[in-house]
Amino acid sequence: MHTAEQLHVSPATPGLVFSGLHASIVDKMGLAVSAGDMASGSIVRIEELEERFGVSRSVIREALRVLASMGMVESRRRVGVQVLPATEWNLYDPQVIRWRLASPGRVSQLRSLTELRTAVEPQAARLAALRAPLADASELMGLAGKLWAAGQNGDTELFLKLDIQFHRLVLSSSGNEMFGKLNSLVAEVLTGRTHYGLMPEHPHEEALQMHVDVASAIQRGNPVDAQSGMLAIMNRAMDEMSTLWDEEAHK
């Protein structure tokens, strides 16, 4: 009997549950594709994968099914398994985002995600100011206060947890179910920035104040201030990472 820790549910195929070994091989293969170790357009045979990862054919086939559901590979009859280009991947899948953030292409992935957030979250904040239930608006104010305290204390993990909750709540409070579904994407980019050392150890007071301003605007029902406040947060994030973009461009 498997314990909860030994089981993994694929985010791409929710009905598929597989053991720790399967999850480990999916992870290794996904990282290999994301990092280009299994290059786009290349053809690999199941026998080669068995040897490379040291597991049975059934484990490889199960892992390939998961990667295929994410658009990363495609089985070709009598040929083998073809690695597909990133344009075919389910780029919104949290696991794909995690693999890309762990790959040498981390900086470009962070840039894409941050640009997407800049396009979406200010609008979500504007709608939240118009639609957020009173309880959500009050919770946002509470989270902004806790964020301030965690930032001042240098409690990185608590700050990350609260920051994820704050941005998730803004997205869900927008009343737009499509925006709400982007919460896992936001969680991954915030987690990636923190765990790869791309966040300031002590968030600047200005950034902390911006979160308070957004929460206050939503609570007051002021869509203009909510939108401009969230845009300021996004622009600050872009500025903080601009050095990375520049370094990447000159490589």
Foldseek 3Di string as FASTA:
>chain_A
DDDPVQWDAQPLHRVDIDGNVLVVLLLVVLLCLLQCVQPAFDFDALVVVCVVVVHDSVSSVSSVVSQVSQQQWDADPPTHIGGHDPVRGNLLRLSNLLSNCVHPNNLVSLVVLLVVCLVPQLLLLLLLLQAADLVLLVVLLVLLVVLLVCLVVLVLVVNLVSVLVNSLSSQVSSVDVVSNVSSSVVSSSSVSCSVVVLADSRDDPVLSVLSNQLSVSSNVSNSVSNSVSVSVNSVVSCVSCVVVVVVVVVD
